[in-house]
Amino acid sequence: MCDELVTCGAMNADKCAETMGILELSEGCVKAINDAPCLEHAKEHQSYEGTCFPPCTNTEDMCAGDLLSKCVNGLTFTYKCSSVCSLKGMKFTGTCGSSYKGQASSSGGDVCWCQ
């Protein structure tokens, strides 16, 4: 998928790894991105947006196992905690939630806990 986005000039490889690489994306989403013409990637709202990022209205970040879902501008982005931590040069503790070992998240909401 990043190869497609980089080839089309939508983003560079580092940016793709930092943004798309940490997301949990369905096979259908990856296929939709790979099958889209280059001009589609340059649009403000891509045709595959709904396939990749389901609509949402909640404002709370929510964990499900080792995945963290955030509602951003009405779209759900689901992050792989292990990848989020790796990007920070850390390891995922195995805990996604509002607290870890007696420490509460600074936001008060769910986060991926890294160390």
Protein backbone atom coordinates (compact mmCIF):
# COMPACT_ATOMS: atom_id res chain seq x y z
CA MET A 1 0.00 0.00 0.00
CA CYS A 2 2.76 2.49 0.83
CA ASP A 3 4.44 1.61 -2.46
CA GLU A 4 1.29 2.76 -4.26
CA LEU A 5 1.02 6.00 -2.27
CA VAL A 6 4.73 6.79 -2.72
CA THR A 7 4.70 5.96 -6.44
CA CYS A 8 1.74 8.28 -6.92
CA GLY A 9 3.49 11.06 -5.01
CA ALA A 10 0.78 11.16 -2.33
CA MET A 11 3.42 10.96 0.43
CA ASN A 12 7.02 9.92 0.97
CA ALA A 13 7.97 6.53 2.39
CA ASP A 14 8.76 7.84 5.89
CA LYS A 15 5.46 9.71 6.15
CA CYS A 16 3.58 6.64 4.95
CA ALA A 17 5.26 4.41 7.54
CA GLU A 18 4.47 6.95 10.28
CA THR A 19 0.82 7.42 9.33
CA MET A 20 -0.49 4.41 7.43
CA GLY A 21 1.95 1.87 8.86
CA ILE A 22 0.58 2.19 12.39
CA LEU A 23 -3.05 1.76 11.35
CA GLU A 24 -4.99 -1.48 11.47
CA LEU A 25 -6.47 -1.64 7.96
CA SER A 26 -8.76 -4.28 6.50
CA GLU A 27 -7.81 -6.21 3.38
CA GLY A 28 -10.65 -4.41 1.60
CA CYS A 29 -9.16 -1.05 2.56
CA VAL A 30 -5.67 -1.95 1.37
CA LYS A 31 -7.12 -3.26 -1.91
CA ALA A 32 -9.16 -0.07 -2.38
CA ILE A 33 -6.06 2.07 -1.84
CA ASN A 34 -3.94 -0.05 -4.16
CA ASP A 35 -6.64 -0.09 -6.87
CA ALA A 36 -7.32 3.67 -6.76
CA PRO A 37 -5.85 5.83 -9.53
CA CYS A 38 -3.10 8.24 -8.50
CA LEU A 39 -5.38 11.27 -8.82
CA GLU A 40 -7.66 9.76 -6.18
CA HIS A 41 -4.90 9.87 -3.53
CA ALA A 42 -4.49 13.62 -4.04
CA LYS A 43 -8.13 14.41 -3.26
CA GLU A 44 -9.15 15.85 0.10
CA HIS A 45 -11.67 13.00 0.53
CA GLN A 46 -10.74 9.77 -1.22
CA SER A 47 -13.32 7.29 -2.50
CA TYR A 48 -11.88 4.61 -0.20
CA GLU A 49 -12.25 6.76 2.91
CA GLY A 50 -15.46 5.06 4.06
CA THR A 51 -14.02 1.59 3.43
CA CYS A 52 -10.90 2.31 5.44
CA PHE A 53 -12.23 4.62 8.13
CA PRO A 54 -15.83 3.96 9.24
CA PRO A 55 -17.89 6.95 10.33
CA CYS A 56 -18.09 7.77 14.03
CA THR A 57 -19.61 10.32 16.38
CA ASN A 58 -17.98 9.43 19.70
CA THR A 59 -15.20 11.62 21.05
CA GLU A 60 -13.65 9.04 23.37
CA ASP A 61 -10.59 7.03 22.37
CA MET A 62 -11.40 3.35 22.86
CA CYS A 63 -9.25 0.25 23.26
CA ALA A 64 -10.08 -3.22 22.05
CA GLY A 65 -7.25 -5.55 22.97
CA ASP A 66 -4.08 -4.11 21.46
CA LEU A 67 -5.93 -1.72 19.15
CA LEU A 68 -6.77 1.92 19.88
CA SER A 69 -9.62 3.57 17.97
CA LYS A 70 -9.87 7.35 17.67
CA CYS A 71 -12.68 9.34 16.12
CA VAL A 72 -11.11 12.12 14.03
CA ASN A 73 -13.29 14.47 12.01
CA GLY A 74 -16.11 11.91 11.99
CA LEU A 75 -13.92 9.00 10.86
CA THR A 76 -12.61 6.06 12.91
CA PHE A 77 -8.85 5.49 12.81
CA THR A 78 -7.71 2.26 14.46
CA TYR A 79 -4.07 2.06 15.53
CA LYS A 80 -1.93 -0.97 16.34
CA CYS A 81 -0.45 -0.25 19.76
CA SER A 82 2.72 -2.23 19.02
CA SER A 83 3.35 -0.07 15.95
CA VAL A 84 2.53 3.17 17.79
CA CYS A 85 5.07 2.30 20.49
CA SER A 86 7.65 1.11 17.98
CA LEU A 87 7.41 4.44 16.16
CA LYS A 88 8.30 6.11 19.48
CA GLY A 89 11.29 3.77 19.89
CA MET A 90 9.52 1.93 22.70
CA LYS A 91 7.82 -1.41 23.31
CA PHE A 92 4.11 -1.95 23.85
CA THR A 93 3.40 -3.06 27.44
CA GLY A 94 0.44 -5.13 26.35
CA THR A 95 -1.93 -2.66 27.98
CA CYS A 96 -4.28 -0.37 26.12
CA GLY A 97 -6.55 1.59 28.42
CA SER A 98 -6.90 4.64 30.62
CA SER A 99 -4.42 3.46 33.25
CA TYR A 100 -1.35 1.28 33.64
CA LYS A 101 0.30 0.21 36.91
CA GLY A 102 -1.59 2.85 38.87
CA GLN A 103 -0.78 5.65 36.44
CA ALA A 104 -3.66 7.40 34.64
CA SER A 105 -3.30 8.68 31.09
CA SER A 106 -2.80 12.43 30.81
CA SER A 107 -5.93 12.69 28.66
CA GLY A 108 -8.00 10.58 31.03
CA GLY A 109 -8.98 8.43 28.06
CA ASP A 110 -7.62 5.22 26.60
CA VAL A 111 -4.05 5.15 25.27
CA CYS A 112 -1.47 2.60 24.16
CA TRP A 113 0.96 2.22 27.06
CA CYS A 114 4.58 2.07 25.92
CA GLN A 115 7.83 1.68 27.82
